[in-house]
Amino acid sequence: MRRIVVRDKVFCMLHDNGDVTSSDSTFIDAVILNTSHHPSRMYYDEGRYQCWSIDGVKPDREVNNKQNATCIGCTKNISGSGDGGSRACRYQKQLAILLANNMEGNIFQLTLSSMSIFGKAVSNKMPLDAYKKYMKSHGVGLESVVTEIRLDDDYDFPKLLFFPKRPLEEYEHNRCVKRIEEKDSSDATKIHFVGHKDNIEEKDLILKDSSNFSTISQAMGMTADIN
């Protein structure tokens, strides 16, 4: 799965062949085709992802070190279990997006942290959930507009904000609606840790150079189907 990530405070594209293309920009214009239905959860400790949940309800069947039978009753899902009063088990959400300047091109996965998902809109600064509510209140689907996805410059870590930039032309909208049905659009909203290792180590998940991307792809099984 092709991905868009933030490296050194700019957006980068990770391609199937391991190439990394930097945009040299703190924002991208994109069409959001699809989002994961539920936030996934991941618990990281001792240099490894120890436990994770695809649906945010219970640990995935391939987790070797389940922290609890369900997420809702887990001690790692309590405020204060992590650093600075946070939850030790972190939320994530995956988006399937098209770059607005190439709507016939590749579909990319964009993974959001909790800071980019939750929270209230402040002026025109909207995390994902607030943005979705704002667009819904105007009767507009995310697939109907070009969305500017921008790094919040008030934070040192990658917090993303969302803004409606322009409505799609009719021909653009028709094209994007068709692309929602593609397998890549569905795959981009999923994340799956495969069980070929004793959980996932930090070195598997940090992109140190382009040659390491194939290792990340294999370790995370990003295109696997989740039932």
C-alpha atoms as a PDB file:
ATOM      1  CA  MET A   1       0.000   0.000   0.000  1.00  0.00           C
ATOM      2  CA  ARG A   2       1.307   3.415  -0.924  1.00  0.00           C
ATOM      3  CA  ARG A   3       1.380   5.780   2.023  1.00  0.00           C
ATOM      4  CA  ILE A   4       1.690   9.451   2.820  1.00  0.00           C
ATOM      5  CA  VAL A   5       3.581  10.259   6.008  1.00  0.00           C
ATOM      6  CA  VAL A   6       5.182  13.238   7.706  1.00  0.00           C
ATOM      7  CA  ARG A   7       8.983  13.276   7.889  1.00  0.00           C
ATOM      8  CA  ASP A   8      10.999  16.239   9.087  1.00  0.00           C
ATOM      9  CA  LYS A   9       7.817  18.349   9.214  1.00  0.00           C
ATOM     10  CA  VAL A  10       6.910  17.880   5.539  1.00  0.00           C
ATOM     11  CA  PHE A  11       4.657  15.412   3.732  1.00  0.00           C
ATOM     12  CA  CYS A  12       6.313  12.496   1.940  1.00  0.00           C
ATOM     13  CA  MET A  13       4.981   9.816  -0.402  1.00  0.00           C
ATOM     14  CA  LEU A  14       6.069   6.218   0.122  1.00  0.00           C
ATOM     15  CA  HIS A  15       5.756   4.170  -3.064  1.00  0.00           C
ATOM     16  CA  ASP A  16       5.385   0.429  -3.604  1.00  0.00           C
ATOM     17  CA  ASN A  17       8.981   0.085  -4.819  1.00  0.00           C
ATOM     18  CA  GLY A  18      10.351   1.708  -1.654  1.00  0.00           C
ATOM     19  CA  ASP A  19      11.027   5.113  -3.187  1.00  0.00           C
ATOM     20  CA  VAL A  20      10.381   8.109  -0.966  1.00  0.00           C
ATOM     21  CA  THR A  21       9.242  11.378  -2.550  1.00  0.00           C
ATOM     22  CA  SER A  22       9.255  14.508  -0.395  1.00  0.00           C
ATOM     23  CA  SER A  23       6.752  17.235  -1.186  1.00  0.00           C
ATOM     24  CA  ASP A  24       8.829  19.838   0.701  1.00  0.00           C
ATOM     25  CA  SER A  25       5.486  21.188   1.904  1.00  0.00           C
ATOM     26  CA  THR A  26       3.589  21.405   5.182  1.00  0.00           C
ATOM     27  CA  PHE A  27       0.249  20.769   3.439  1.00  0.00           C
ATOM     28  CA  ILE A  28      -1.294  18.634   0.715  1.00  0.00           C
ATOM     29  CA  ASP A  29      -4.506  19.035  -1.284  1.00  0.00           C
ATOM     30  CA  ALA A  30      -6.379  15.744  -1.421  1.00  0.00           C
ATOM     31  CA  VAL A  31      -9.732  14.052  -1.911  1.00  0.00           C
ATOM     32  CA  ILE A  32     -10.693  11.803   1.011  1.00  0.00           C
ATOM     33  CA  LEU A  33     -12.264   8.723  -0.571  1.00  0.00           C
ATOM     34  CA  ASN A  34     -12.743   6.571   2.488  1.00  0.00           C
ATOM     35  CA  THR A  35     -12.007   6.362   6.214  1.00  0.00           C
ATOM     36  CA  SER A  36     -11.757   3.451   8.621  1.00  0.00           C
ATOM     37  CA  HIS A  37     -15.086   2.919  10.389  1.00  0.00           C
ATOM     38  CA  HIS A  38     -13.554   2.688  13.863  1.00  0.00           C
ATOM     39  CA  PRO A  39     -10.298   3.967  15.338  1.00  0.00           C
ATOM     40  CA  SER A  40      -7.709   1.241  15.736  1.00  0.00           C
ATOM     41  CA  ARG A  41      -5.758   0.970  18.994  1.00  0.00           C
ATOM     42  CA  MET A  42      -2.096   0.215  19.605  1.00  0.00           C
ATOM     43  CA  TYR A  43      -0.162  -0.326  22.827  1.00  0.00           C
ATOM     44  CA  TYR A  44       3.590   0.185  22.618  1.00  0.00           C
ATOM     45  CA  ASP A  45       5.996  -0.787  25.401  1.00  0.00           C
ATOM     46  CA  GLU A  46       9.548  -2.065  25.838  1.00  0.00           C
ATOM     47  CA  GLY A  47      10.458  -1.179  22.251  1.00  0.00           C
ATOM     48  CA  ARG A  48       7.586  -3.163  20.726  1.00  0.00           C
ATOM     49  CA  TYR A  49       3.932  -2.970  19.848  1.00  0.00           C
ATOM     50  CA  GLN A  50       2.634  -5.384  22.469  1.00  0.00           C
ATOM     51  CA  CYS A  51      -1.087  -5.288  21.729  1.00  0.00           C
ATOM     52  CA  TRP A  52      -3.326  -3.805  19.063  1.00  0.00           C
ATOM     53  CA  SER A  53      -6.929  -3.794  17.925  1.00  0.00           C
ATOM     54  CA  ILE A  54      -8.140  -3.294  14.378  1.00  0.00           C
ATOM     55  CA  ASP A  55     -11.714  -2.410  15.367  1.00  0.00           C
ATOM     56  CA  GLY A  56     -11.034  -0.783  18.746  1.00  0.00           C
ATOM     57  CA  VAL A  57     -13.194  -3.417  20.461  1.00  0.00           C
ATOM     58  CA  LYS A  58     -10.869  -6.332  21.227  1.00  0.00           C
ATOM     59  CA  PRO A  59      -7.250  -7.334  20.510  1.00  0.00           C
ATOM     60  CA  ASP A  60      -6.479  -8.728  17.091  1.00  0.00           C
ATOM     61  CA  ARG A  61      -6.298 -12.519  16.940  1.00  0.00           C
ATOM     62  CA  GLU A  62      -2.583 -12.385  16.073  1.00  0.00           C
ATOM     63  CA  VAL A  63      -1.578 -10.443  19.200  1.00  0.00           C
ATOM     64  CA  ASN A  64       0.809 -12.533  21.284  1.00  0.00           C
ATOM     65  CA  ASN A  65       0.548 -10.450  24.429  1.00  0.00           C
ATOM     66  CA  LYS A  66      -3.104  -9.454  24.865  1.00  0.00           C
ATOM     67  CA  GLN A  67      -3.503  -6.922  27.664  1.00  0.00           C
ATOM     68  CA  ASN A  68      -7.207  -7.670  28.179  1.00  0.00           C
ATOM     69  CA  ALA A  69     -10.024  -9.572  26.506  1.00  0.00           C
ATOM     70  CA  THR A  70     -11.666  -6.298  25.421  1.00  0.00           C
ATOM     71  CA  CYS A  71     -10.413  -2.766  24.905  1.00  0.00           C
ATOM     72  CA  ILE A  72     -13.102  -1.135  27.023  1.00  0.00           C
ATOM     73  CA  GLY A  73     -12.008  -2.903  30.198  1.00  0.00           C
ATOM     74  CA  CYS A  74      -8.265  -2.681  29.630  1.00  0.00           C
ATOM     75  CA  THR A  75      -6.048  -0.854  32.135  1.00  0.00           C
ATOM     76  CA  LYS A  76      -3.970   0.489  29.227  1.00  0.00           C
ATOM     77  CA  ASN A  77      -7.103   2.270  27.978  1.00  0.00           C
ATOM     78  CA  ILE A  78      -7.419   4.472  31.076  1.00  0.00           C
ATOM     79  CA  SER A  79      -6.380   8.110  31.192  1.00  0.00           C
ATOM     80  CA  GLY A  80      -3.132   8.363  33.123  1.00  0.00           C
ATOM     81  CA  SER A  81      -1.824   4.946  32.057  1.00  0.00           C
ATOM     82  CA  GLY A  82       0.498   6.677  29.573  1.00  0.00           C
ATOM     83  CA  ASP A  83       2.910   9.592  29.693  1.00  0.00           C
ATOM     84  CA  GLY A  84       1.588  12.977  30.731  1.00  0.00           C
ATOM     85  CA  GLY A  85      -1.824  11.706  31.755  1.00  0.00           C
ATOM     86  CA  SER A  86      -2.475  10.132  28.342  1.00  0.00           C
ATOM     87  CA  ARG A  87      -3.701   6.613  27.593  1.00  0.00           C
ATOM     88  CA  ALA A  88      -0.949   4.047  27.106  1.00  0.00           C
ATOM     89  CA  CYS A  89      -2.982   2.482  24.289  1.00  0.00           C
ATOM     90  CA  ARG A  90      -3.108   4.967  21.427  1.00  0.00           C
ATOM     91  CA  TYR A  91      -5.817   5.618  18.872  1.00  0.00           C
ATOM     92  CA  GLN A  92      -5.192   5.701  15.131  1.00  0.00           C
ATOM     93  CA  LYS A  93      -7.362   6.075  12.068  1.00  0.00           C
ATOM     94  CA  GLN A  94      -6.594   5.387   8.437  1.00  0.00           C
ATOM     95  CA  LEU A  95      -7.738   7.399   5.408  1.00  0.00           C
ATOM     96  CA  ALA A  96      -7.766   6.540   1.712  1.00  0.00           C
ATOM     97  CA  ILE A  97      -6.879   9.667  -0.228  1.00  0.00           C
ATOM     98  CA  LEU A  98      -6.153  10.864  -3.749  1.00  0.00           C
ATOM     99  CA  LEU A  99      -3.859  13.784  -4.437  1.00  0.00           C
ATOM    100  CA  ALA A 100      -5.967  16.561  -5.918  1.00  0.00           C
ATOM    101  CA  ASN A 101      -3.515  17.212  -8.725  1.00  0.00           C
ATOM    102  CA  ASN A 102      -3.693  13.586  -9.873  1.00  0.00           C
ATOM    103  CA  MET A 103      -7.153  12.123  -9.284  1.00  0.00           C
ATOM    104  CA  GLU A 104      -6.466   9.349 -11.766  1.00  0.00           C
ATOM    105  CA  GLY A 105      -3.267   8.404  -9.940  1.00  0.00           C
ATOM    106  CA  ASN A 106      -2.479   6.184  -6.989  1.00  0.00           C
ATOM    107  CA  ILE A 107      -4.617   5.898  -3.870  1.00  0.00           C
ATOM    108  CA  PHE A 108      -2.588   6.541  -0.714  1.00  0.00           C
ATOM    109  CA  GLN A 109      -3.065   5.621   2.918  1.00  0.00           C
ATOM    110  CA  LEU A 110      -2.773   8.397   5.504  1.00  0.00           C
ATOM    111  CA  THR A 111      -2.677   7.337   9.171  1.00  0.00           C
ATOM    112  CA  LEU A 112      -3.837   9.788  11.838  1.00  0.00           C
ATOM    113  CA  SER A 113      -2.980   9.917  15.526  1.00  0.00           C
ATOM    114  CA  SER A 114      -5.588  10.778  18.155  1.00  0.00           C
ATOM    115  CA  MET A 115      -4.588  14.455  18.110  1.00  0.00           C
ATOM    116  CA  SER A 116      -5.505  14.579  14.414  1.00  0.00           C
ATOM    117  CA  ILE A 117      -8.808  12.732  14.969  1.00  0.00           C
ATOM    118  CA  PHE A 118     -10.421  14.136  18.102  1.00  0.00           C
ATOM    119  CA  GLY A 119     -10.976  17.591  19.488  1.00  0.00           C
ATOM    120  CA  LYS A 120     -13.059  20.677  18.813  1.00  0.00           C
ATOM    121  CA  ALA A 121     -12.706  23.047  15.905  1.00  0.00           C
ATOM    122  CA  VAL A 122     -10.904  26.236  16.887  1.00  0.00           C
ATOM    123  CA  SER A 123     -11.575  28.937  14.303  1.00  0.00           C
ATOM    124  CA  ASN A 124     -10.787  27.179  11.027  1.00  0.00           C
ATOM    125  CA  LYS A 125      -8.568  24.541  12.635  1.00  0.00           C
ATOM    126  CA  MET A 126     -10.407  21.215  12.492  1.00  0.00           C
ATOM    127  CA  PRO A 127      -9.231  17.704  13.370  1.00  0.00           C
ATOM    128  CA  LEU A 128     -10.863  14.928  11.354  1.00  0.00           C
ATOM    129  CA  ASP A 129     -13.996  14.262  13.425  1.00  0.00           C
ATOM    130  CA  ALA A 130     -14.802  17.982  13.714  1.00  0.00           C
ATOM    131  CA  TYR A 131     -14.213  18.373   9.981  1.00  0.00           C
ATOM    132  CA  LYS A 132     -16.546  15.478   9.163  1.00  0.00           C
ATOM    133  CA  LYS A 133     -19.269  16.986  11.375  1.00  0.00           C
ATOM    134  CA  TYR A 134     -18.787  20.397   9.786  1.00  0.00           C
ATOM    135  CA  MET A 135     -19.104  18.987   6.271  1.00  0.00           C
ATOM    136  CA  LYS A 136     -22.099  16.840   7.240  1.00  0.00           C
ATOM    137  CA  SER A 137     -23.873  19.909   8.668  1.00  0.00           C
ATOM    138  CA  HIS A 138     -23.595  21.431   5.192  1.00  0.00           C
ATOM    139  CA  GLY A 139     -24.771  18.238   3.498  1.00  0.00           C
ATOM    140  CA  VAL A 140     -21.423  17.668   1.783  1.00  0.00           C
ATOM    141  CA  GLY A 141     -19.541  14.369   1.642  1.00  0.00           C
ATOM    142  CA  LEU A 142     -15.777  14.310   2.008  1.00  0.00           C
ATOM    143  CA  GLU A 143     -15.451  12.749  -1.439  1.00  0.00           C
ATOM    144  CA  SER A 144     -17.105  15.840  -2.958  1.00  0.00           C
ATOM    145  CA  VAL A 145     -14.429  18.397  -2.117  1.00  0.00           C
ATOM    146  CA  VAL A 146     -10.720  19.024  -2.287  1.00  0.00           C
ATOM    147  CA  THR A 147      -9.508  19.011   1.304  1.00  0.00           C
ATOM    148  CA  GLU A 148      -6.405  20.834   2.420  1.00  0.00           C
ATOM    149  CA  ILE A 149      -4.578  18.684   4.979  1.00  0.00           C
ATOM    150  CA  ARG A 150      -2.121  20.854   6.859  1.00  0.00           C
ATOM    151  CA  LEU A 151       0.377  20.411   9.673  1.00  0.00           C
ATOM    152  CA  ASP A 152      -0.568  22.405  12.757  1.00  0.00           C
ATOM    153  CA  ASP A 153       2.425  24.687  13.268  1.00  0.00           C
ATOM    154  CA  ASP A 154       1.527  25.100  16.949  1.00  0.00           C
ATOM    155  CA  TYR A 155       2.877  21.591  17.620  1.00  0.00           C
ATOM    156  CA  ASP A 156       6.307  20.033  17.216  1.00  0.00           C
ATOM    157  CA  PHE A 157       4.818  16.622  16.436  1.00  0.00           C
ATOM    158  CA  PRO A 158       2.619  15.864  13.408  1.00  0.00           C
ATOM    159  CA  LYS A 159      -0.886  17.076  14.238  1.00  0.00           C
ATOM    160  CA  LEU A 160      -2.982  17.358  11.073  1.00  0.00           C
ATOM    161  CA  LEU A 161      -5.819  19.776  10.389  1.00  0.00           C
ATOM    162  CA  PHE A 162      -8.466  19.680   7.681  1.00  0.00           C
ATOM    163  CA  PHE A 163     -10.033  22.471   5.588  1.00  0.00           C
ATOM    164  CA  PRO A 164     -12.486  22.396   2.644  1.00  0.00           C
ATOM    165  CA  LYS A 165     -10.676  24.081  -0.238  1.00  0.00           C
ATOM    166  CA  ARG A 166     -13.057  23.803  -3.188  1.00  0.00           C
ATOM    167  CA  PRO A 167     -15.943  21.663  -4.442  1.00  0.00           C
ATOM    168  CA  LEU A 168     -15.132  19.103  -7.097  1.00  0.00           C
ATOM    169  CA  GLU A 169     -16.255  19.633 -10.648  1.00  0.00           C
ATOM    170  CA  GLU A 170     -18.952  17.170 -11.704  1.00  0.00           C
ATOM    171  CA  TYR A 171     -16.542  15.104 -13.803  1.00  0.00           C
ATOM    172  CA  GLU A 172     -14.054  14.996 -10.911  1.00  0.00           C
ATOM    173  CA  HIS A 173     -16.718  13.901  -8.469  1.00  0.00           C
ATOM    174  CA  ASN A 174     -17.940  11.130 -10.777  1.00  0.00           C
ATOM    175  CA  ARG A 175     -14.376   9.880 -11.138  1.00  0.00           C
ATOM    176  CA  CYS A 176     -13.771   9.870  -7.383  1.00  0.00           C
ATOM    177  CA  VAL A 177     -17.040   8.049  -6.648  1.00  0.00           C
ATOM    178  CA  LYS A 178     -15.914   5.267  -8.977  1.00  0.00           C
ATOM    179  CA  ARG A 179     -12.519   5.105  -7.320  1.00  0.00           C
ATOM    180  CA  ILE A 180     -14.105   4.558  -3.902  1.00  0.00           C
ATOM    181  CA  GLU A 181     -15.102   1.096  -5.147  1.00  0.00           C
ATOM    182  CA  GLU A 182     -11.500   0.103  -5.893  1.00  0.00           C
ATOM    183  CA  LYS A 183      -9.765  -2.431  -3.654  1.00  0.00           C
ATOM    184  CA  ASP A 184      -6.972   0.043  -2.864  1.00  0.00           C
ATOM    185  CA  SER A 185      -9.550   2.407  -1.387  1.00  0.00           C
ATOM    186  CA  SER A 186     -10.746  -0.291   0.997  1.00  0.00           C
ATOM    187  CA  ASP A 187      -7.235  -1.557   1.796  1.00  0.00           C
ATOM    188  CA  ALA A 188      -6.021   1.933   2.687  1.00  0.00           C
ATOM    189  CA  THR A 189      -8.477   2.110   5.591  1.00  0.00           C
ATOM    190  CA  LYS A 190      -7.057  -1.021   7.224  1.00  0.00           C
ATOM    191  CA  ILE A 191      -3.957  -1.857   9.195  1.00  0.00           C
ATOM    192  CA  HIS A 192      -2.864  -5.358  10.018  1.00  0.00           C
ATOM    193  CA  PHE A 193       0.087  -6.715  11.964  1.00  0.00           C
ATOM    194  CA  VAL A 194       1.049 -10.141  10.661  1.00  0.00           C
ATOM    195  CA  GLY A 195       2.094 -12.847  13.086  1.00  0.00           C
ATOM    196  CA  HIS A 196       5.380 -13.893  11.496  1.00  0.00           C
ATOM    197  CA  LYS A 197       7.292 -12.155  14.277  1.00  0.00           C
ATOM    198  CA  ASP A 198       7.040 -12.062  18.064  1.00  0.00           C
ATOM    199  CA  ASN A 199       5.189  -8.758  17.877  1.00  0.00           C
ATOM    200  CA  ILE A 200       6.635  -5.778  16.043  1.00  0.00           C
ATOM    201  CA  GLU A 201       9.880  -4.063  16.956  1.00  0.00           C
ATOM    202  CA  GLU A 202      10.550  -0.344  16.743  1.00  0.00           C
ATOM    203  CA  LYS A 203      13.125  -0.788  13.983  1.00  0.00           C
ATOM    204  CA  ASP A 204      10.443  -2.361  11.786  1.00  0.00           C
ATOM    205  CA  LEU A 205       8.263   0.723  11.991  1.00  0.00           C
ATOM    206  CA  ILE A 206      10.719   3.599  11.619  1.00  0.00           C
ATOM    207  CA  LEU A 207      11.562   4.635   8.094  1.00  0.00           C
ATOM    208  CA  LYS A 208      15.325   5.162   8.170  1.00  0.00           C
ATOM    209  CA  ASP A 209      15.813   5.057   4.400  1.00  0.00           C
ATOM    210  CA  SER A 210      13.912   4.006   1.305  1.00  0.00           C
ATOM    211  CA  SER A 211      15.274   0.447   1.442  1.00  0.00           C
ATOM    212  CA  ASN A 212      13.589  -0.076   4.819  1.00  0.00           C
ATOM    213  CA  PHE A 213      10.118   0.618   3.446  1.00  0.00           C
ATOM    214  CA  SER A 214       9.675  -2.909   2.099  1.00  0.00           C
ATOM    215  CA  THR A 215      10.460  -4.214   5.590  1.00  0.00           C
ATOM    216  CA  ILE A 216       7.817  -1.921   7.073  1.00  0.00           C
ATOM    217  CA  SER A 217       5.267  -3.018   4.485  1.00  0.00           C
ATOM    218  CA  GLN A 218       5.903  -6.687   5.228  1.00  0.00           C
ATOM    219  CA  ALA A 219       5.895  -6.237   8.980  1.00  0.00           C
ATOM    220  CA  MET A 220       2.647  -4.308   9.035  1.00  0.00           C
ATOM    221  CA  GLY A 221       0.858  -6.219   6.256  1.00  0.00           C
ATOM    222  CA  MET A 222      -0.714  -2.989   5.103  1.00  0.00           C
ATOM    223  CA  THR A 223      -2.684  -4.488   2.217  1.00  0.00           C
ATOM    224  CA  ALA A 224      -4.084  -7.480   4.081  1.00  0.00           C
ATOM    225  CA  ASP A 225      -7.828  -7.960   4.117  1.00  0.00           C
ATOM    226  CA  ILE A 226      -9.502  -7.738   7.520  1.00  0.00           C
ATOM    227  CA  ASN A 227     -12.871  -9.437   7.906  1.00  0.00           C
END
